[in-house]
Structure formats: structure tokens, C-alpha cells
Amino acid sequence: MVFVSVDKSQKDNEDVYRIAVAESCAGRAICNVHFWVGQAASRLPMTDAQVNSKVVTWQQNLNTGLRRWVVNCKTTDVFKGDRECG
């Protein structure tokens, strides 16, 4: 599980998320990457506020074929054609 802070000016830049996922998940069958604008969580358990302020989560399990973007659709339009709202 990886926690990533995204600069506010890059919040809607899909490449920022894709690059972070590529770097964080390289060589891993199972990988979860969580993104926040500004301050990212730093450890588990996360507070309710941290969970609610996540903008994007990448979920990957290559053993089952799971590869998806879960987006807080109330806060951003990234991955509009390839996402689940969460």
C-alpha cells in the first residue's frame, strides 16, 4: 500500500497518477496506491477525514485481473472514461 501526495496544480493531470502507479507497482502483482491533494496519510489506520479526502485510489491484483481506478467523483473528473466512483 502506497500513499501519494499530489500537488494541487496537478490534481487533474492523469499522467501524474499513472506515473506514480507505474513506479509504485512495478514488479508487484498486488498493489494499492492512494492519492491525496496536499497532505497524504502517512500510516494506518487512516482517520475518517483522511479516507474521505482521498481523490483517487488505484487497485491492482494481477492474480485476479483486477485493475481499476476508484475516484472521488465529487472532487475530480480524472479517468472519466475508465473509473469507478467511490
PDB file of N, CA and C in Angstrom:
ATOM      1  N   MET A   1       0.845  -1.152   0.000  1.00  0.00           N
ATOM      2  CA  MET A   1       0.000   0.000   0.000  1.00  0.00           C
ATOM      3  C   MET A   1       0.904   1.233   0.000  1.00  0.00           C
ATOM      4  N   VAL A   2       0.614   2.133  -0.940  1.00  0.00           N
ATOM      5  CA  VAL A   2       1.439   3.322  -1.106  1.00  0.00           C
ATOM      6  C   VAL A   2       0.552   4.547  -0.966  1.00  0.00           C
ATOM      7  N   PHE A   3       1.040   5.562  -0.232  1.00  0.00           N
ATOM      8  CA  PHE A   3       0.321   6.816  -0.057  1.00  0.00           C
ATOM      9  C   PHE A   3       1.070   7.906  -0.813  1.00  0.00           C
ATOM     10  N   VAL A   4       0.340   8.669  -1.649  1.00  0.00           N
ATOM     11  CA  VAL A   4       0.967   9.677  -2.503  1.00  0.00           C
ATOM     12  C   VAL A   4       0.274  11.016  -2.327  1.00  0.00           C
ATOM     13  N   SER A   5       1.075  12.051  -2.206  1.00  0.00           N
ATOM     14  CA  SER A   5       0.577  13.419  -2.149  1.00  0.00           C
ATOM     15  C   SER A   5       0.723  14.041  -3.539  1.00  0.00           C
ATOM     16  N   VAL A   6      -0.361  14.626  -4.039  1.00  0.00           N
ATOM     17  CA  VAL A   6      -0.363  15.269  -5.356  1.00  0.00           C
ATOM     18  C   VAL A   6      -0.461  16.772  -5.150  1.00  0.00           C
ATOM     19  N   ASP A   7       0.381  17.516  -5.858  1.00  0.00           N
ATOM     20  CA  ASP A   7       0.316  18.970  -5.796  1.00  0.00           C
ATOM     21  C   ASP A   7      -1.029  19.445  -6.339  1.00  0.00           C
ATOM     22  N   LYS A   8      -1.598  20.445  -5.710  1.00  0.00           N
ATOM     23  CA  LYS A   8      -2.916  20.960  -6.101  1.00  0.00           C
ATOM     24  C   LYS A   8      -2.969  21.328  -7.585  1.00  0.00           C
ATOM     25  N   SER A   9      -1.880  21.856  -8.118  1.00  0.00           N
ATOM     26  CA  SER A   9      -1.852  22.262  -9.522  1.00  0.00           C
ATOM     27  C   SER A   9      -1.889  21.065 -10.480  1.00  0.00           C
ATOM     28  N   GLN A  10      -1.619  19.847  -9.968  1.00  0.00           N
ATOM     29  CA  GLN A  10      -1.585  18.635 -10.789  1.00  0.00           C
ATOM     30  C   GLN A  10      -2.764  17.711 -10.531  1.00  0.00           C
ATOM     31  N   LYS A  11      -3.718  18.154  -9.740  1.00  0.00           N
ATOM     32  CA  LYS A  11      -4.843  17.314  -9.307  1.00  0.00           C
ATOM     33  C   LYS A  11      -5.593  16.649 -10.455  1.00  0.00           C
ATOM     34  N   ASP A  12      -5.722  17.334 -11.579  1.00  0.00           N
ATOM     35  CA  ASP A  12      -6.478  16.794 -12.710  1.00  0.00           C
ATOM     36  C   ASP A  12      -5.595  16.262 -13.833  1.00  0.00           C
ATOM     37  N   ASN A  13      -4.308  16.074 -13.553  1.00  0.00           N
ATOM     38  CA  ASN A  13      -3.355  15.573 -14.541  1.00  0.00           C
ATOM     39  C   ASN A  13      -3.246  14.052 -14.401  1.00  0.00           C
ATOM     40  N   GLU A  14      -3.919  13.328 -15.278  1.00  0.00           N
ATOM     41  CA  GLU A  14      -3.933  11.866 -15.204  1.00  0.00           C
ATOM     42  C   GLU A  14      -2.545  11.255 -15.290  1.00  0.00           C
ATOM     43  N   ASP A  15      -1.642  11.897 -16.010  1.00  0.00           N
ATOM     44  CA  ASP A  15      -0.286  11.361 -16.138  1.00  0.00           C
ATOM     45  C   ASP A  15       0.416  11.274 -14.786  1.00  0.00           C
ATOM     46  N   VAL A  16       0.150  12.214 -13.894  1.00  0.00           N
ATOM     47  CA  VAL A  16       0.761  12.194 -12.563  1.00  0.00           C
ATOM     48  C   VAL A  16       0.380  10.907 -11.837  1.00  0.00           C
ATOM     49  N   TYR A  17      -0.881  10.533 -11.915  1.00  0.00           N
ATOM     50  CA  TYR A  17      -1.357   9.315 -11.251  1.00  0.00           C
ATOM     51  C   TYR A  17      -0.785   8.071 -11.930  1.00  0.00           C
ATOM     52  N   ARG A  18      -0.796   8.062 -13.253  1.00  0.00           N
ATOM     53  CA  ARG A  18      -0.285   6.893 -13.990  1.00  0.00           C
ATOM     54  C   ARG A  18       1.201   6.657 -13.722  1.00  0.00           C
ATOM     55  N   ILE A  19       1.978   7.726 -13.703  1.00  0.00           N
ATOM     56  CA  ILE A  19       3.416   7.593 -13.446  1.00  0.00           C
ATOM     57  C   ILE A  19       3.659   7.072 -12.032  1.00  0.00           C
ATOM     58  N   ALA A  20       2.932   7.604 -11.062  1.00  0.00           N
ATOM     59  CA  ALA A  20       3.101   7.145  -9.677  1.00  0.00           C
ATOM     60  C   ALA A  20       2.739   5.671  -9.544  1.00  0.00           C
ATOM     61  N   VAL A  21       1.680   5.238 -10.223  1.00  0.00           N
ATOM     62  CA  VAL A  21       1.283   3.828 -10.181  1.00  0.00           C
ATOM     63  C   VAL A  21       2.345   2.963 -10.848  1.00  0.00           C
ATOM     64  N   ALA A  22       2.831   3.395 -12.002  1.00  0.00           N
ATOM     65  CA  ALA A  22       3.854   2.613 -12.706  1.00  0.00           C
ATOM     66  C   ALA A  22       5.093   2.428 -11.839  1.00  0.00           C
ATOM     67  N   GLU A  23       5.513   3.493 -11.168  1.00  0.00           N
ATOM     68  CA  GLU A  23       6.700   3.410 -10.321  1.00  0.00           C
ATOM     69  C   GLU A  23       6.434   2.607  -9.045  1.00  0.00           C
ATOM     70  N   SER A  24       5.280   2.792  -8.453  1.00  0.00           N
ATOM     71  CA  SER A  24       4.970   2.133  -7.178  1.00  0.00           C
ATOM     72  C   SER A  24       4.648   0.655  -7.334  1.00  0.00           C
ATOM     73  N   CYS A  25       4.066   0.283  -8.463  1.00  0.00           N
ATOM     74  CA  CYS A  25       3.571  -1.085  -8.628  1.00  0.00           C
ATOM     75  C   CYS A  25       4.461  -1.957  -9.514  1.00  0.00           C
ATOM     76  N   ALA A  26       5.555  -1.422  -9.994  1.00  0.00           N
ATOM     77  CA  ALA A  26       6.444  -2.190 -10.865  1.00  0.00           C
ATOM     78  C   ALA A  26       6.885  -3.470 -10.173  1.00  0.00           C
ATOM     79  N   GLY A  27       6.636  -4.603 -10.814  1.00  0.00           N
ATOM     80  CA  GLY A  27       7.052  -5.887 -10.279  1.00  0.00           C
ATOM     81  C   GLY A  27       6.145  -6.458  -9.197  1.00  0.00           C
ATOM     82  N   ARG A  28       5.055  -5.817  -8.904  1.00  0.00           N
ATOM     83  CA  ARG A  28       4.135  -6.285  -7.860  1.00  0.00           C
ATOM     84  C   ARG A  28       2.840  -6.802  -8.477  1.00  0.00           C
ATOM     85  N   ALA A  29       2.424  -7.953  -8.065  1.00  0.00           N
ATOM     86  CA  ALA A  29       1.142  -8.477  -8.542  1.00  0.00           C
ATOM     87  C   ALA A  29      -0.024  -7.779  -7.846  1.00  0.00           C
ATOM     88  N   ILE A  30       0.160  -7.489  -6.562  1.00  0.00           N
ATOM     89  CA  ILE A  30      -0.887  -6.827  -5.785  1.00  0.00           C
ATOM     90  C   ILE A  30      -0.360  -5.480  -5.338  1.00  0.00           C
ATOM     91  N   CYS A  31      -1.127  -4.424  -5.649  1.00  0.00           N
ATOM     92  CA  CYS A  31      -0.660  -3.074  -5.351  1.00  0.00           C
ATOM     93  C   CYS A  31      -1.863  -2.146  -5.187  1.00  0.00           C
ATOM     94  N   ASN A  32      -1.818  -1.338  -4.158  1.00  0.00           N
ATOM     95  CA  ASN A  32      -2.824  -0.315  -3.922  1.00  0.00           C
ATOM     96  C   ASN A  32      -2.107   1.012  -3.724  1.00  0.00           C
ATOM     97  N   VAL A  33      -2.520   2.022  -4.496  1.00  0.00           N
ATOM     98  CA  VAL A  33      -1.923   3.344  -4.386  1.00  0.00           C
ATOM     99  C   VAL A  33      -3.045   4.335  -4.094  1.00  0.00           C
ATOM    100  N   HIS A  34      -2.874   5.101  -3.026  1.00  0.00           N
ATOM    101  CA  HIS A  34      -3.874   6.066  -2.587  1.00  0.00           C
ATOM    102  C   HIS A  34      -3.318   7.468  -2.773  1.00  0.00           C
ATOM    103  N   PHE A  35      -4.148   8.358  -3.305  1.00  0.00           N
ATOM    104  CA  PHE A  35      -3.714   9.714  -3.636  1.00  0.00           C
ATOM    105  C   PHE A  35      -4.541  10.763  -2.898  1.00  0.00           C
ATOM    106  N   TRP A  36      -3.842  11.760  -2.398  1.00  0.00           N
ATOM    107  CA  TRP A  36      -4.468  12.930  -1.786  1.00  0.00           C
ATOM    108  C   TRP A  36      -3.890  14.174  -2.428  1.00  0.00           C
ATOM    109  N   VAL A  37      -4.673  15.233  -2.473  1.00  0.00           N
ATOM    110  CA  VAL A  37      -4.155  16.539  -2.869  1.00  0.00           C
ATOM    111  C   VAL A  37      -3.631  17.183  -1.600  1.00  0.00           C
ATOM    112  N   GLY A  38      -2.381  17.597  -1.643  1.00  0.00           N
ATOM    113  CA  GLY A  38      -1.761  18.166  -0.443  1.00  0.00           C
ATOM    114  C   GLY A  38      -1.231  17.070   0.449  1.00  0.00           C
ATOM    115  N   GLN A  39      -1.619  17.079   1.698  1.00  0.00           N
ATOM    116  CA  GLN A  39      -1.088  16.153   2.701  1.00  0.00           C
ATOM    117  C   GLN A  39      -1.673  14.749   2.559  1.00  0.00           C
ATOM    118  N   ALA A  40      -0.824  13.775   2.325  1.00  0.00           N
ATOM    119  CA  ALA A  40      -1.250  12.369   2.253  1.00  0.00           C
ATOM    120  C   ALA A  40      -1.203  11.759   3.641  1.00  0.00           C
ATOM    121  N   ALA A  41      -1.981  10.729   3.833  1.00  0.00           N
ATOM    122  CA  ALA A  41      -1.881   9.949   5.071  1.00  0.00           C
ATOM    123  C   ALA A  41      -0.479   9.359   5.136  1.00  0.00           C
ATOM    124  N   SER A  42      -0.033   9.066   6.332  1.00  0.00           N
ATOM    125  CA  SER A  42       1.322   8.525   6.467  1.00  0.00           C
ATOM    126  C   SER A  42       1.351   7.139   7.097  1.00  0.00           C
ATOM    127  N   ARG A  43       0.205   6.684   7.600  1.00  0.00           N
ATOM    128  CA  ARG A  43       0.191   5.359   8.225  1.00  0.00           C
ATOM    129  C   ARG A  43      -1.250   4.884   8.395  1.00  0.00           C
ATOM    130  N   LEU A  44      -1.359   3.619   8.730  1.00  0.00           N
ATOM    131  CA  LEU A  44      -2.661   3.026   9.042  1.00  0.00           C
ATOM    132  C   LEU A  44      -2.805   2.925  10.548  1.00  0.00           C
ATOM    133  N   PRO A  45      -3.965   2.975  11.085  1.00  0.00           N
ATOM    134  CA  PRO A  45      -5.226   3.205  10.387  1.00  0.00           C
ATOM    135  C   PRO A  45      -5.377   4.670   9.993  1.00  0.00           C
ATOM    136  N   MET A  46      -6.084   4.884   8.892  1.00  0.00           N
ATOM    137  CA  MET A  46      -6.382   6.236   8.461  1.00  0.00           C
ATOM    138  C   MET A  46      -7.570   6.770   9.254  1.00  0.00           C
ATOM    139  N   THR A  47      -7.592   8.076   9.428  1.00  0.00           N
ATOM    140  CA  THR A  47      -8.744   8.697  10.069  1.00  0.00           C
ATOM    141  C   THR A  47      -9.892   8.775   9.059  1.00  0.00           C
ATOM    142  N   ASP A  48     -11.086   8.993   9.538  1.00  0.00           N
ATOM    143  CA  ASP A  48     -12.232   9.174   8.634  1.00  0.00           C
ATOM    144  C   ASP A  48     -11.981  10.337   7.690  1.00  0.00           C
ATOM    145  N   ALA A  49     -11.400  11.412   8.196  1.00  0.00           N
ATOM    146  CA  ALA A  49     -11.120  12.582   7.356  1.00  0.00           C
ATOM    147  C   ALA A  49     -10.141  12.234   6.233  1.00  0.00           C
ATOM    148  N   GLN A  50      -9.136  11.431   6.536  1.00  0.00           N
ATOM    149  CA  GLN A  50      -8.173  11.027   5.508  1.00  0.00           C
ATOM    150  C   GLN A  50      -8.828  10.144   4.455  1.00  0.00           C
ATOM    151  N   VAL A  51      -9.650   9.230   4.885  1.00  0.00           N
ATOM    152  CA  VAL A  51     -10.355   8.360   3.934  1.00  0.00           C
ATOM    153  C   VAL A  51     -11.257   9.199   3.035  1.00  0.00           C
ATOM    154  N   ASN A  52     -11.978  10.126   3.613  1.00  0.00           N
ATOM    155  CA  ASN A  52     -12.925  10.943   2.849  1.00  0.00           C
ATOM    156  C   ASN A  52     -12.258  11.963   1.944  1.00  0.00           C
ATOM    157  N   SER A  53     -11.007  12.312   2.219  1.00  0.00           N
ATOM    158  CA  SER A  53     -10.337  13.320   1.394  1.00  0.00           C
ATOM    159  C   SER A  53      -9.470  12.725   0.288  1.00  0.00           C
ATOM    160  N   LYS A  54      -9.389  11.395   0.201  1.00  0.00           N
ATOM    161  CA  LYS A  54      -8.663  10.777  -0.916  1.00  0.00           C
ATOM    162  C   LYS A  54      -9.325  11.189  -2.215  1.00  0.00           C
ATOM    163  N   VAL A  55      -8.514  11.477  -3.240  1.00  0.00           N
ATOM    164  CA  VAL A  55      -9.083  11.832  -4.540  1.00  0.00           C
ATOM    165  C   VAL A  55      -9.108  10.645  -5.484  1.00  0.00           C
ATOM    166  N   VAL A  56      -8.103   9.782  -5.402  1.00  0.00           N
ATOM    167  CA  VAL A  56      -8.006   8.644  -6.322  1.00  0.00           C
ATOM    168  C   VAL A  56      -7.350   7.472  -5.588  1.00  0.00           C
ATOM    169  N   THR A  57      -7.788   6.272  -5.929  1.00  0.00           N
ATOM    170  CA  THR A  57      -7.133   5.050  -5.465  1.00  0.00           C
ATOM    171  C   THR A  57      -6.952   4.126  -6.667  1.00  0.00           C
ATOM    172  N   TRP A  58      -5.775   3.551  -6.788  1.00  0.00           N
ATOM    173  CA  TRP A  58      -5.513   2.519  -7.797  1.00  0.00           C
ATOM    174  C   TRP A  58      -5.521   1.182  -7.084  1.00  0.00           C
ATOM    175  N   GLN A  59      -6.286   0.231  -7.618  1.00  0.00           N
ATOM    176  CA  GLN A  59      -6.337  -1.116  -7.052  1.00  0.00           C
ATOM    177  C   GLN A  59      -5.895  -2.103  -8.121  1.00  0.00           C
ATOM    178  N   GLN A  60      -4.927  -2.929  -7.759  1.00  0.00           N
ATOM    179  CA  GLN A  60      -4.386  -3.892  -8.720  1.00  0.00           C
ATOM    180  C   GLN A  60      -4.168  -5.234  -8.045  1.00  0.00           C
ATOM    181  N   ASN A  61      -4.699  -6.281  -8.673  1.00  0.00           N
ATOM    182  CA  ASN A  61      -4.406  -7.658  -8.280  1.00  0.00           C
ATOM    183  C   ASN A  61      -4.300  -8.441  -9.582  1.00  0.00           C
ATOM    184  N   LEU A  62      -3.092  -8.618 -10.047  1.00  0.00           N
ATOM    185  CA  LEU A  62      -2.879  -9.287 -11.325  1.00  0.00           C
ATOM    186  C   LEU A  62      -3.248 -10.760 -11.272  1.00  0.00           C
ATOM    187  N   ASN A  63      -3.339 -11.332 -10.068  1.00  0.00           N
ATOM    188  CA  ASN A  63      -3.753 -12.731  -9.923  1.00  0.00           C
ATOM    189  C   ASN A  63      -5.213 -12.930 -10.306  1.00  0.00           C
ATOM    190  N   THR A  64      -6.024 -11.903 -10.116  1.00  0.00           N
ATOM    191  CA  THR A  64      -7.455 -11.983 -10.435  1.00  0.00           C
ATOM    192  C   THR A  64      -7.849 -11.128 -11.626  1.00  0.00           C
ATOM    193  N   GLY A  65      -6.913 -10.328 -12.136  1.00  0.00           N
ATOM    194  CA  GLY A  65      -7.210  -9.444 -13.259  1.00  0.00           C
ATOM    195  C   GLY A  65      -7.750  -8.086 -12.851  1.00  0.00           C
ATOM    196  N   LEU A  66      -7.782  -7.801 -11.557  1.00  0.00           N
ATOM    197  CA  LEU A  66      -8.285  -6.521 -11.078  1.00  0.00           C
ATOM    198  C   LEU A  66      -7.291  -5.414 -11.391  1.00  0.00           C
ATOM    199  N   ARG A  67      -7.769  -4.400 -12.071  1.00  0.00           N
ATOM    200  CA  ARG A  67      -7.002  -3.188 -12.367  1.00  0.00           C
ATOM    201  C   ARG A  67      -8.031  -2.073 -12.493  1.00  0.00           C
ATOM    202  N   ARG A  68      -8.130  -1.202 -11.466  1.00  0.00           N
ATOM    203  CA  ARG A  68      -9.150  -0.161 -11.555  1.00  0.00           C
ATOM    204  C   ARG A  68      -8.764   1.105 -10.791  1.00  0.00           C
ATOM    205  N   TRP A  69      -9.311   2.193 -11.320  1.00  0.00           N
ATOM    206  CA  TRP A  69      -9.222   3.497 -10.677  1.00  0.00           C
ATOM    207  C   TRP A  69     -10.514   3.716  -9.907  1.00  0.00           C
ATOM    208  N   VAL A  70     -10.404   4.010  -8.632  1.00  0.00           N
ATOM    209  CA  VAL A  70     -11.558   4.394  -7.824  1.00  0.00           C
ATOM    210  C   VAL A  70     -11.356   5.872  -7.499  1.00  0.00           C
ATOM    211  N   VAL A  71     -12.311   6.681  -7.959  1.00  0.00           N
ATOM    212  CA  VAL A  71     -12.155   8.129  -7.923  1.00  0.00           C
ATOM    213  C   VAL A  71     -13.238   8.756  -7.045  1.00  0.00           C
ATOM    214  N   ASN A  72     -12.850   9.750  -6.274  1.00  0.00           N
ATOM    215  CA  ASN A  72     -13.830  10.559  -5.557  1.00  0.00           C
ATOM    216  C   ASN A  72     -14.427  11.503  -6.598  1.00  0.00           C
ATOM    217  N   CYS A  73     -15.505  11.079  -7.214  1.00  0.00           N
ATOM    218  CA  CYS A  73     -16.082  11.791  -8.354  1.00  0.00           C
ATOM    219  C   CYS A  73     -16.671  13.150  -7.977  1.00  0.00           C
ATOM    220  N   LYS A  74     -16.812  13.411  -6.689  1.00  0.00           N
ATOM    221  CA  LYS A  74     -17.293  14.720  -6.244  1.00  0.00           C
ATOM    222  C   LYS A  74     -16.196  15.766  -6.307  1.00  0.00           C
ATOM    223  N   THR A  75     -14.931  15.322  -6.362  1.00  0.00           N
ATOM    224  CA  THR A  75     -13.822  16.276  -6.282  1.00  0.00           C
ATOM    225  C   THR A  75     -12.979  16.376  -7.550  1.00  0.00           C
ATOM    226  N   THR A  76     -13.102  15.410  -8.470  1.00  0.00           N
ATOM    227  CA  THR A  76     -12.276  15.455  -9.674  1.00  0.00           C
ATOM    228  C   THR A  76     -12.941  14.687 -10.819  1.00  0.00           C
ATOM    229  N   ASP A  77     -12.567  15.046 -12.036  1.00  0.00           N
ATOM    230  CA  ASP A  77     -13.088  14.380 -13.232  1.00  0.00           C
ATOM    231  C   ASP A  77     -12.064  13.451 -13.877  1.00  0.00           C
ATOM    232  N   VAL A  78     -10.940  13.182 -13.202  1.00  0.00           N
ATOM    233  CA  VAL A  78      -9.914  12.335 -13.815  1.00  0.00           C
ATOM    234  C   VAL A  78     -10.453  10.939 -14.089  1.00  0.00           C
ATOM    235  N   PHE A  79      -9.906  10.329 -15.119  1.00  0.00           N
ATOM    236  CA  PHE A  79     -10.236   8.958 -15.541  1.00  0.00           C
ATOM    237  C   PHE A  79     -11.733   8.791 -15.814  1.00  0.00           C
ATOM    238  N   LYS A  80     -12.330   9.827 -16.344  1.00  0.00           N
ATOM    239  CA  LYS A  80     -13.779   9.843 -16.563  1.00  0.00           C
ATOM    240  C   LYS A  80     -14.280   8.640 -17.352  1.00  0.00           C
ATOM    241  N   GLY A  81     -13.501   8.157 -18.323  1.00  0.00           N
ATOM    242  CA  GLY A  81     -13.934   7.042 -19.132  1.00  0.00           C
ATOM    243  C   GLY A  81     -13.523   5.682 -18.589  1.00  0.00           C
ATOM    244  N   ASP A  82     -12.748   5.668 -17.511  1.00  0.00           N
ATOM    245  CA  ASP A  82     -12.185   4.400 -17.024  1.00  0.00           C
ATOM    246  C   ASP A  82     -12.074   4.419 -15.510  1.00  0.00           C
ATOM    247  N   ARG A  83     -13.223   4.558 -14.823  1.00  0.00           N
ATOM    248  CA  ARG A  83     -13.171   4.675 -13.373  1.00  0.00           C
ATOM    249  C   ARG A  83     -14.442   4.167 -12.719  1.00  0.00           C
ATOM    250  N   GLU A  84     -14.331   3.976 -11.431  1.00  0.00           N
ATOM    251  CA  GLU A  84     -15.488   3.740 -10.576  1.00  0.00           C
ATOM    252  C   GLU A  84     -15.500   4.881  -9.575  1.00  0.00           C
ATOM    253  N   CYS A  85     -16.671   5.383  -9.266  1.00  0.00           N
ATOM    254  CA  CYS A  85     -16.781   6.418  -8.254  1.00  0.00           C
ATOM    255  C   CYS A  85     -16.836   5.769  -6.890  1.00  0.00           C
ATOM    256  N   GLY A  86     -16.092   6.323  -5.977  1.00  0.00           N
ATOM    257  CA  GLY A  86     -16.080   5.752  -4.645  1.00  0.00           C
ATOM    258  C   GLY A  86     -15.885   6.778  -3.587  1.00  0.00           C
TER     259      GLY A  86
END
